Amino acid sequence: MSSSPTSSSSSDVAASLASMFDVGCTVDFVVGTGWIPVREFLHLAPEGVLRLDQPAGADLEVRVHGVPIAEGEVAVVDDTAALRVTRLVPPTGVGWE
């Protein structure tokens, strides 16, 4: 008797994804976003300041290939910068709602 896709166990899912476990992904850590007219952009200079839409201290957004997957805060681990995940962003799309 075959099982339906919705009744698959987590081990079945892991086995079907096993071939992808070592695939590399581009990960971006977004501090914030903002808006600037081209005129001002062309006049940027070292030590210039751009305002961001996010408040100071807000979590960073983590994107994998441009898709938001998590939020987190900067942490220091053995003298290197790291990210402490504070929230996972649920995936969107067919079957995830």
PDB file of N, CA and C in Angstrom:
ATOM      1  N   MET A   1       0.851  -1.170   0.000  1.00  0.00           N
ATOM      2  CA  MET A   1       0.000   0.000   0.000  1.00  0.00           C
ATOM      3  C   MET A   1       0.893   1.228   0.000  1.00  0.00           C
ATOM      4  N   SER A   2       0.653   2.156  -0.906  1.00  0.00           N
ATOM      5  CA  SER A   2       1.479   3.362  -0.967  1.00  0.00           C
ATOM      6  C   SER A   2       0.878   4.440  -0.089  1.00  0.00           C
ATOM      7  N   SER A   3       1.754   5.296   0.418  1.00  0.00           N
ATOM      8  CA  SER A   3       1.266   6.378   1.269  1.00  0.00           C
ATOM      9  C   SER A   3       1.146   7.653   0.450  1.00  0.00           C
ATOM     10  N   SER A   4       0.268   8.523   0.872  1.00  0.00           N
ATOM     11  CA  SER A   4       0.083   9.793   0.177  1.00  0.00           C
ATOM     12  C   SER A   4       1.218  10.736   0.561  1.00  0.00           C
ATOM     13  N   PRO A   5       1.485  11.780  -0.238  1.00  0.00           N
ATOM     14  CA  PRO A   5       2.568  12.712   0.073  1.00  0.00           C
ATOM     15  C   PRO A   5       2.389  13.400   1.414  1.00  0.00           C
ATOM     16  N   THR A   6       1.158  13.589   1.849  1.00  0.00           N
ATOM     17  CA  THR A   6       0.934  14.275   3.116  1.00  0.00           C
ATOM     18  C   THR A   6       1.170  13.369   4.312  1.00  0.00           C
ATOM     19  N   SER A   7       1.257  12.060   4.103  1.00  0.00           N
ATOM     20  CA  SER A   7       1.466  11.167   5.225  1.00  0.00           C
ATOM     21  C   SER A   7       2.904  10.648   5.307  1.00  0.00           C
ATOM     22  N   SER A   8       3.818  11.222   4.524  1.00  0.00           N
ATOM     23  CA  SER A   8       5.215  10.811   4.555  1.00  0.00           C
ATOM     24  C   SER A   8       5.828  11.128   5.905  1.00  0.00           C
ATOM     25  N   SER A   9       6.689  10.245   6.362  1.00  0.00           N
ATOM     26  CA  SER A   9       7.369  10.498   7.623  1.00  0.00           C
ATOM     27  C   SER A   9       8.533  11.448   7.382  1.00  0.00           C
ATOM     28  N   SER A  10       9.054  12.030   8.471  1.00  0.00           N
ATOM     29  CA  SER A  10      10.165  12.965   8.332  1.00  0.00           C
ATOM     30  C   SER A  10      11.408  12.259   7.806  1.00  0.00           C
ATOM     31  N   SER A  11      11.568  10.974   8.096  1.00  0.00           N
ATOM     32  CA  SER A  11      12.724  10.244   7.571  1.00  0.00           C
ATOM     33  C   SER A  11      12.611  10.055   6.062  1.00  0.00           C
ATOM     34  N   ASP A  12      11.382   9.894   5.540  1.00  0.00           N
ATOM     35  CA  ASP A  12      11.183   9.806   4.095  1.00  0.00           C
ATOM     36  C   ASP A  12      11.563  11.123   3.421  1.00  0.00           C
ATOM     37  N   VAL A  13      11.186  12.226   4.046  1.00  0.00           N
ATOM     38  CA  VAL A  13      11.502  13.541   3.504  1.00  0.00           C
ATOM     39  C   VAL A  13      13.016  13.752   3.526  1.00  0.00           C
ATOM     40  N   ALA A  14      13.659  13.422   4.634  1.00  0.00           N
ATOM     41  CA  ALA A  14      15.109  13.574   4.743  1.00  0.00           C
ATOM     42  C   ALA A  14      15.822  12.722   3.702  1.00  0.00           C
ATOM     43  N   ALA A  15      15.356  11.514   3.483  1.00  0.00           N
ATOM     44  CA  ALA A  15      15.977  10.632   2.491  1.00  0.00           C
ATOM     45  C   ALA A  15      15.828  11.203   1.093  1.00  0.00           C
ATOM     46  N   SER A  16      14.681  11.798   0.787  1.00  0.00           N
ATOM     47  CA  SER A  16      14.479  12.351  -0.551  1.00  0.00           C
ATOM     48  C   SER A  16      15.304  13.614  -0.771  1.00  0.00           C
ATOM     49  N   LEU A  17      15.687  14.292   0.298  1.00  0.00           N
ATOM     50  CA  LEU A  17      16.486  15.513   0.185  1.00  0.00           C
ATOM     51  C   LEU A  17      17.984  15.261   0.365  1.00  0.00           C
ATOM     52  N   ALA A  18      18.371  14.046   0.699  1.00  0.00           N
ATOM     53  CA  ALA A  18      19.758  13.728   1.027  1.00  0.00           C
ATOM     54  C   ALA A  18      20.741  14.156  -0.058  1.00  0.00           C
ATOM     55  N   SER A  19      20.355  14.048  -1.318  1.00  0.00           N
ATOM     56  CA  SER A  19      21.267  14.414  -2.398  1.00  0.00           C
ATOM     57  C   SER A  19      21.519  15.920  -2.443  1.00  0.00           C
ATOM     58  N   MET A  20      20.711  16.710  -1.757  1.00  0.00           N
ATOM     59  CA  MET A  20      20.868  18.164  -1.773  1.00  0.00           C
ATOM     60  C   MET A  20      21.580  18.697  -0.537  1.00  0.00           C
ATOM     61  N   PHE A  21      21.913  17.855   0.429  1.00  0.00           N
ATOM     62  CA  PHE A  21      22.472  18.316   1.692  1.00  0.00           C
ATOM     63  C   PHE A  21      23.781  19.087   1.540  1.00  0.00           C
ATOM     64  N   ASP A  22      24.579  18.813   0.527  1.00  0.00           N
ATOM     65  CA  ASP A  22      25.868  19.476   0.365  1.00  0.00           C
ATOM     66  C   ASP A  22      25.861  20.568  -0.703  1.00  0.00           C
ATOM     67  N   VAL A  23      24.685  20.945  -1.182  1.00  0.00           N
ATOM     68  CA  VAL A  23      24.576  22.009  -2.179  1.00  0.00           C
ATOM     69  C   VAL A  23      24.822  23.347  -1.472  1.00  0.00           C
ATOM     70  N   GLY A  24      25.674  24.187  -2.057  1.00  0.00           N
ATOM     71  CA  GLY A  24      25.963  25.495  -1.482  1.00  0.00           C
ATOM     72  C   GLY A  24      24.859  26.494  -1.758  1.00  0.00           C
ATOM     73  N   CYS A  25      24.671  27.411  -0.845  1.00  0.00           N
ATOM     74  CA  CYS A  25      23.649  28.444  -0.976  1.00  0.00           C
ATOM     75  C   CYS A  25      24.270  29.810  -0.698  1.00  0.00           C
ATOM     76  N   THR A  26      23.828  30.823  -1.423  1.00  0.00           N
ATOM     77  CA  THR A  26      24.229  32.191  -1.149  1.00  0.00           C
ATOM     78  C   THR A  26      23.367  32.708  -0.005  1.00  0.00           C
ATOM     79  N   VAL A  27      24.014  33.170   1.063  1.00  0.00           N
ATOM     80  CA  VAL A  27      23.293  33.668   2.232  1.00  0.00           C
ATOM     81  C   VAL A  27      23.636  35.144   2.411  1.00  0.00           C
ATOM     82  N   ASP A  28      22.607  35.981   2.531  1.00  0.00           N
ATOM     83  CA  ASP A  28      22.792  37.415   2.760  1.00  0.00           C
ATOM     84  C   ASP A  28      22.231  37.769   4.129  1.00  0.00           C
ATOM     85  N   PHE A  29      22.938  38.642   4.840  1.00  0.00           N
ATOM     86  CA  PHE A  29      22.482  39.160   6.121  1.00  0.00           C
ATOM     87  C   PHE A  29      22.200  40.646   5.901  1.00  0.00           C
ATOM     88  N   VAL A  30      20.928  41.008   5.905  1.00  0.00           N
ATOM     89  CA  VAL A  30      20.512  42.357   5.549  1.00  0.00           C
ATOM     90  C   VAL A  30      20.342  43.188   6.815  1.00  0.00           C
ATOM     91  N   VAL A  31      21.181  44.215   6.952  1.00  0.00           N
ATOM     92  CA  VAL A  31      21.117  45.105   8.106  1.00  0.00           C
ATOM     93  C   VAL A  31      19.876  45.978   8.021  1.00  0.00           C
ATOM     94  N   GLY A  32      19.578  46.436   6.826  1.00  0.00           N
ATOM     95  CA  GLY A  32      18.412  47.288   6.645  1.00  0.00           C
ATOM     96  C   GLY A  32      18.264  47.685   5.193  1.00  0.00           C
ATOM     97  N   THR A  33      17.197  48.366   4.916  1.00  0.00           N
ATOM     98  CA  THR A  33      16.933  48.856   3.570  1.00  0.00           C
ATOM     99  C   THR A  33      16.589  50.336   3.660  1.00  0.00           C
ATOM    100  N   GLY A  34      16.699  51.000   2.544  1.00  0.00           N
ATOM    101  CA  GLY A  34      16.385  52.417   2.512  1.00  0.00           C
ATOM    102  C   GLY A  34      16.112  52.859   1.095  1.00  0.00           C
ATOM    103  N   TRP A  35      15.931  54.157   0.934  1.00  0.00           N
ATOM    104  CA  TRP A  35      15.635  54.724  -0.375  1.00  0.00           C
ATOM    105  C   TRP A  35      16.450  55.987  -0.522  1.00  0.00           C
ATOM    106  N   ILE A  36      17.024  56.188  -1.717  1.00  0.00           N
ATOM    107  CA  ILE A  36      17.819  57.376  -1.968  1.00  0.00           C
ATOM    108  C   ILE A  36      17.664  57.747  -3.444  1.00  0.00           C
ATOM    109  N   PRO A  37      17.489  59.029  -3.750  1.00  0.00           N
ATOM    110  CA  PRO A  37      17.422  59.434  -5.158  1.00  0.00           C
ATOM    111  C   PRO A  37      18.791  59.257  -5.822  1.00  0.00           C
ATOM    112  N   VAL A  38      18.798  59.000  -7.106  1.00  0.00           N
ATOM    113  CA  VAL A  38      20.051  58.811  -7.847  1.00  0.00           C
ATOM    114  C   VAL A  38      20.963  60.018  -7.665  1.00  0.00           C
ATOM    115  N   ARG A  39      20.412  61.218  -7.665  1.00  0.00           N
ATOM    116  CA  ARG A  39      21.212  62.441  -7.503  1.00  0.00           C
ATOM    117  C   ARG A  39      22.054  62.373  -6.223  1.00  0.00           C
ATOM    118  N   GLU A  40      21.431  61.964  -5.099  1.00  0.00           N
ATOM    119  CA  GLU A  40      22.164  61.851  -3.836  1.00  0.00           C
ATOM    120  C   GLU A  40      23.145  60.682  -3.873  1.00  0.00           C
ATOM    121  N   PHE A  41      22.737  59.583  -4.512  1.00  0.00           N
ATOM    122  CA  PHE A  41      23.607  58.413  -4.617  1.00  0.00           C
ATOM    123  C   PHE A  41      24.911  58.772  -5.324  1.00  0.00           C
ATOM    124  N   LEU A  42      24.814  59.573  -6.382  1.00  0.00           N
ATOM    125  CA  LEU A  42      26.000  59.966  -7.146  1.00  0.00           C
ATOM    126  C   LEU A  42      26.924  60.900  -6.366  1.00  0.00           C
ATOM    127  N   HIS A  43      26.420  61.480  -5.297  1.00  0.00           N
ATOM    128  CA  HIS A  43      27.243  62.377  -4.476  1.00  0.00           C
ATOM    129  C   HIS A  43      27.708  61.728  -3.175  1.00  0.00           C
ATOM    130  N   LEU A  44      27.542  60.428  -3.052  1.00  0.00           N
ATOM    131  CA  LEU A  44      28.013  59.753  -1.836  1.00  0.00           C
ATOM    132  C   LEU A  44      29.531  59.892  -1.712  1.00  0.00           C
ATOM    133  N   ALA A  45      29.984  60.029  -0.497  1.00  0.00           N
ATOM    134  CA  ALA A  45      31.415  60.147  -0.227  1.00  0.00           C
ATOM    135  C   ALA A  45      31.751  59.257   0.965  1.00  0.00           C
ATOM    136  N   PRO A  46      33.029  58.923   1.136  1.00  0.00           N
ATOM    137  CA  PRO A  46      33.420  58.158   2.324  1.00  0.00           C
ATOM    138  C   PRO A  46      32.927  58.855   3.592  1.00  0.00           C
ATOM    139  N   GLU A  47      32.455  58.066   4.515  1.00  0.00           N
ATOM    140  CA  GLU A  47      31.910  58.509   5.796  1.00  0.00           C
ATOM    141  C   GLU A  47      30.560  59.210   5.668  1.00  0.00           C
ATOM    142  N   GLY A  48      29.945  59.115   4.481  1.00  0.00           N
ATOM    143  CA  GLY A  48      28.591  59.614   4.322  1.00  0.00           C
ATOM    144  C   GLY A  48      27.629  58.702   5.071  1.00  0.00           C
ATOM    145  N   VAL A  49      26.457  59.177   5.386  1.00  0.00           N
ATOM    146  CA  VAL A  49      25.479  58.411   6.163  1.00  0.00           C
ATOM    147  C   VAL A  49      24.207  58.225   5.353  1.00  0.00           C
ATOM    148  N   LEU A  50      23.749  56.988   5.269  1.00  0.00           N
ATOM    149  CA  LEU A  50      22.470  56.673   4.636  1.00  0.00           C
ATOM    150  C   LEU A  50      21.508  56.214   5.722  1.00  0.00           C
ATOM    151  N   ARG A  51      20.332  56.786   5.744  1.00  0.00           N
ATOM    152  CA  ARG A  51      19.330  56.363   6.723  1.00  0.00           C
ATOM    153  C   ARG A  51      18.663  55.075   6.251  1.00  0.00           C
ATOM    154  N   LEU A  52      18.399  54.186   7.201  1.00  0.00           N
ATOM    155  CA  LEU A  52      17.702  52.932   6.916  1.00  0.00           C
ATOM    156  C   LEU A  52      16.281  53.030   7.451  1.00  0.00           C
ATOM    157  N   ASP A  53      15.395  52.201   6.898  1.00  0.00           N
ATOM    158  CA  ASP A  53      14.001  52.188   7.341  1.00  0.00           C
ATOM    159  C   ASP A  53      13.831  51.495   8.693  1.00  0.00           C
ATOM    160  N   GLN A  54      14.781  50.635   9.074  1.00  0.00           N
ATOM    161  CA  GLN A  54      14.662  49.859  10.302  1.00  0.00           C
ATOM    162  C   GLN A  54      15.152  50.690  11.494  1.00  0.00           C
ATOM    163  N   PRO A  55      14.534  50.485  12.656  1.00  0.00           N
ATOM    164  CA  PRO A  55      15.012  51.186  13.849  1.00  0.00           C
ATOM    165  C   PRO A  55      16.350  50.608  14.317  1.00  0.00           C
ATOM    166  N   ALA A  56      17.116  51.416  15.044  1.00  0.00           N
ATOM    167  CA  ALA A  56      18.384  50.949  15.605  1.00  0.00           C
ATOM    168  C   ALA A  56      18.118  49.744  16.509  1.00  0.00           C
ATOM    169  N   GLY A  57      18.951  48.731  16.408  1.00  0.00           N
ATOM    170  CA  GLY A  57      18.803  47.537  17.236  1.00  0.00           C
ATOM    171  C   GLY A  57      17.863  46.491  16.666  1.00  0.00           C
ATOM    172  N   ALA A  58      17.262  46.752  15.512  1.00  0.00           N
ATOM    173  CA  ALA A  58      16.346  45.770  14.902  1.00  0.00           C
ATOM    174  C   ALA A  58      17.126  44.538  14.452  1.00  0.00           C
ATOM    175  N   ASP A  59      16.452  43.407  14.392  1.00  0.00           N
ATOM    176  CA  ASP A  59      17.079  42.170  13.929  1.00  0.00           C
ATOM    177  C   ASP A  59      17.479  42.283  12.468  1.00  0.00           C
ATOM    178  N   LEU A  60      18.523  41.550  12.087  1.00  0.00           N
ATOM    179  CA  LEU A  60      18.935  41.442  10.698  1.00  0.00           C
ATOM    180  C   LEU A  60      18.053  40.420  10.014  1.00  0.00           C
ATOM    181  N   GLU A  61      17.854  40.572   8.714  1.00  0.00           N
ATOM    182  CA  GLU A  61      17.097  39.592   7.943  1.00  0.00           C
ATOM    183  C   GLU A  61      18.091  38.654   7.269  1.00  0.00           C
ATOM    184  N   VAL A  62      17.807  37.362   7.325  1.00  0.00           N
ATOM    185  CA  VAL A  62      18.653  36.356   6.680  1.00  0.00           C
ATOM    186  C   VAL A  62      17.932  35.889   5.431  1.00  0.00           C
ATOM    187  N   ARG A  63      18.615  35.992   4.286  1.00  0.00           N
ATOM    188  CA  ARG A  63      18.029  35.576   3.013  1.00  0.00           C
ATOM    189  C   ARG A  63      18.924  34.524   2.367  1.00  0.00           C
ATOM    190  N   VAL A  64      18.319  33.459   1.858  1.00  0.00           N
ATOM    191  CA  VAL A  64      19.039  32.444   1.094  1.00  0.00           C
ATOM    192  C   VAL A  64      18.565  32.570  -0.346  1.00  0.00           C
ATOM    193  N   HIS A  65      19.487  32.875  -1.227  1.00  0.00           N
ATOM    194  CA  HIS A  65      19.179  33.143  -2.634  1.00  0.00           C
ATOM    195  C   HIS A  65      18.049  34.165  -2.758  1.00  0.00           C
ATOM    196  N   GLY A  66      18.082  35.195  -1.900  1.00  0.00           N
ATOM    197  CA  GLY A  66      17.106  36.272  -1.951  1.00  0.00           C
ATOM    198  C   GLY A  66      15.795  36.008  -1.241  1.00  0.00           C
ATOM    199  N   VAL A  67      15.605  34.807  -0.697  1.00  0.00           N
ATOM    200  CA  VAL A  67      14.352  34.445  -0.027  1.00  0.00           C
ATOM    201  C   VAL A  67      14.534  34.568   1.486  1.00  0.00           C
ATOM    202  N   PRO A  68      13.720  35.399   2.169  1.00  0.00           N
ATOM    203  CA  PRO A  68      13.837  35.527   3.622  1.00  0.00           C
ATOM    204  C   PRO A  68      13.547  34.189   4.314  1.00  0.00           C
ATOM    205  N   ILE A  69      14.462  33.769   5.198  1.00  0.00           N
ATOM    206  CA  ILE A  69      14.264  32.508   5.924  1.00  0.00           C
ATOM    207  C   ILE A  69      14.319  32.675   7.440  1.00  0.00           C
ATOM    208  N   ALA A  70      14.939  33.773   7.912  1.00  0.00           N
ATOM    209  CA  ALA A  70      15.093  33.945   9.355  1.00  0.00           C
ATOM    210  C   ALA A  70      15.407  35.395   9.677  1.00  0.00           C
ATOM    211  N   GLU A  71      15.387  35.703  10.978  1.00  0.00           N
ATOM    212  CA  GLU A  71      15.842  36.981  11.498  1.00  0.00           C
ATOM    213  C   GLU A  71      16.779  36.676  12.647  1.00  0.00           C
ATOM    214  N   GLY A  72      17.702  37.585  12.907  1.00  0.00           N
ATOM    215  CA  GLY A  72      18.637  37.336  13.988  1.00  0.00           C
ATOM    216  C   GLY A  72      19.377  38.581  14.407  1.00  0.00           C
ATOM    217  N   GLU A  73      20.242  38.397  15.404  1.00  0.00           N
ATOM    218  CA  GLU A  73      21.021  39.505  15.931  1.00  0.00           C
ATOM    219  C   GLU A  73      22.500  39.166  15.872  1.00  0.00           C
ATOM    220  N   VAL A  74      23.326  40.192  15.776  1.00  0.00           N
ATOM    221  CA  VAL A  74      24.767  39.982  15.697  1.00  0.00           C
ATOM    222  C   VAL A  74      25.270  39.448  17.036  1.00  0.00           C
ATOM    223  N   ALA A  75      26.147  38.463  16.963  1.00  0.00           N
ATOM    224  CA  ALA A  75      26.775  37.885  18.142  1.00  0.00           C
ATOM    225  C   ALA A  75      28.275  37.770  17.863  1.00  0.00           C
ATOM    226  N   VAL A  76      29.074  37.693  18.913  1.00  0.00           N
ATOM    227  CA  VAL A  76      30.517  37.503  18.767  1.00  0.00           C
ATOM    228  C   VAL A  76      30.861  36.130  19.326  1.00  0.00           C
ATOM    229  N   VAL A  77      31.543  35.322  18.493  1.00  0.00           N
ATOM    230  CA  VAL A  77      31.955  33.975  18.891  1.00  0.00           C
ATOM    231  C   VAL A  77      33.445  33.851  18.593  1.00  0.00           C
ATOM    232  N   ASP A  78      34.251  33.714  19.638  1.00  0.00           N
ATOM    233  CA  ASP A  78      35.705  33.569  19.480  1.00  0.00           C
ATOM    234  C   ASP A  78      36.290  34.629  18.559  1.00  0.00           C
ATOM    235  N   ASP A  79      36.007  35.874  18.822  1.00  0.00           N
ATOM    236  CA  ASP A  79      36.542  37.021  18.063  1.00  0.00           C
ATOM    237  C   ASP A  79      36.068  37.097  16.622  1.00  0.00           C
ATOM    238  N   THR A  80      35.001  36.410  16.264  1.00  0.00           N
ATOM    239  CA  THR A  80      34.431  36.547  14.925  1.00  0.00           C
ATOM    240  C   THR A  80      32.956  36.923  15.046  1.00  0.00           C
ATOM    241  N   ALA A  81      32.478  37.620  14.037  1.00  0.00           N
ATOM    242  CA  ALA A  81      31.064  37.988  14.011  1.00  0.00           C
ATOM    243  C   ALA A  81      30.239  36.770  13.628  1.00  0.00           C
ATOM    244  N   ALA A  82      29.085  36.654  14.240  1.00  0.00           N
ATOM    245  CA  ALA A  82      28.173  35.540  13.972  1.00  0.00           C
ATOM    246  C   ALA A  82      26.753  36.082  14.040  1.00  0.00           C
ATOM    247  N   LEU A  83      25.800  35.222  13.766  1.00  0.00           N
ATOM    248  CA  LEU A  83      24.400  35.611  13.839  1.00  0.00           C
ATOM    249  C   LEU A  83      23.654  34.643  14.748  1.00  0.00           C
ATOM    250  N   ARG A  84      22.952  35.175  15.734  1.00  0.00           N
ATOM    251  CA  ARG A  84      22.101  34.372  16.613  1.00  0.00           C
ATOM    252  C   ARG A  84      20.691  34.455  16.043  1.00  0.00           C
ATOM    253  N   VAL A  85      20.150  33.327  15.602  1.00  0.00           N
ATOM    254  CA  VAL A  85      18.814  33.300  15.002  1.00  0.00           C
ATOM    255  C   VAL A  85      17.774  33.524  16.099  1.00  0.00           C
ATOM    256  N   THR A  86      16.905  34.503  15.877  1.00  0.00           N
ATOM    257  CA  THR A  86      15.860  34.812  16.849  1.00  0.00           C
ATOM    258  C   THR A  86      14.478  34.390  16.374  1.00  0.00           C
ATOM    259  N   ARG A  87      14.323  34.248  15.042  1.00  0.00           N
ATOM    260  CA  ARG A  87      13.012  33.879  14.514  1.00  0.00           C
ATOM    261  C   ARG A  87      13.183  33.251  13.136  1.00  0.00           C
ATOM    262  N   LEU A  88      12.489  32.150  12.899  1.00  0.00           N
ATOM    263  CA  LEU A  88      12.450  31.535  11.579  1.00  0.00           C
ATOM    264  C   LEU A  88      11.234  32.072  10.838  1.00  0.00           C
ATOM    265  N   VAL A  89      11.422  32.378   9.571  1.00  0.00           N
ATOM    266  CA  VAL A  89      10.331  32.905   8.751  1.00  0.00           C
ATOM    267  C   VAL A  89       9.690  31.728   8.028  1.00  0.00           C
ATOM    268  N   PRO A  90       8.392  31.491   8.224  1.00  0.00           N
ATOM    269  CA  PRO A  90       7.748  30.360   7.550  1.00  0.00           C
ATOM    270  C   PRO A  90       7.789  30.542   6.040  1.00  0.00           C
ATOM    271  N   PRO A  91       8.043  29.460   5.319  1.00  0.00           N
ATOM    272  CA  PRO A  91       8.087  29.559   3.858  1.00  0.00           C
ATOM    273  C   PRO A  91       6.715  29.872   3.279  1.00  0.00           C
ATOM    274  N   THR A  92       6.726  30.514   2.119  1.00  0.00           N
ATOM    275  CA  THR A  92       5.473  30.819   1.430  1.00  0.00           C
ATOM    276  C   THR A  92       5.437  30.022   0.136  1.00  0.00           C
ATOM    277  N   GLY A  93       4.272  29.829  -0.391  1.00  0.00           N
ATOM    278  CA  GLY A  93       4.134  29.116  -1.645  1.00  0.00           C
ATOM    279  C   GLY A  93       3.097  28.015  -1.523  1.00  0.00           C
ATOM    280  N   VAL A  94       2.908  27.318  -2.607  1.00  0.00           N
ATOM    281  CA  VAL A  94       1.901  26.257  -2.658  1.00  0.00           C
ATOM    282  C   VAL A  94       2.224  25.188  -1.637  1.00  0.00           C
ATOM    283  N   GLY A  95       1.246  24.822  -0.839  1.00  0.00           N
ATOM    284  CA  GLY A  95       1.410  23.755   0.134  1.00  0.00           C
ATOM    285  C   GLY A  95       1.987  24.170   1.463  1.00  0.00           C
ATOM    286  N   TRP A  96       2.403  25.451   1.618  1.00  0.00           N
ATOM    287  CA  TRP A  96       3.011  25.874   2.871  1.00  0.00           C
ATOM    288  C   TRP A  96       2.070  26.722   3.719  1.00  0.00           C
ATOM    289  N   GLU A  97       0.934  27.132   3.195  1.00  0.00           N
ATOM    290  CA  GLU A  97       0.043  28.004   3.960  1.00  0.00           C
ATOM    291  C   GLU A  97      -0.593  27.283   5.103  1.00  0.00           C
TER     292      GLU A  97
END
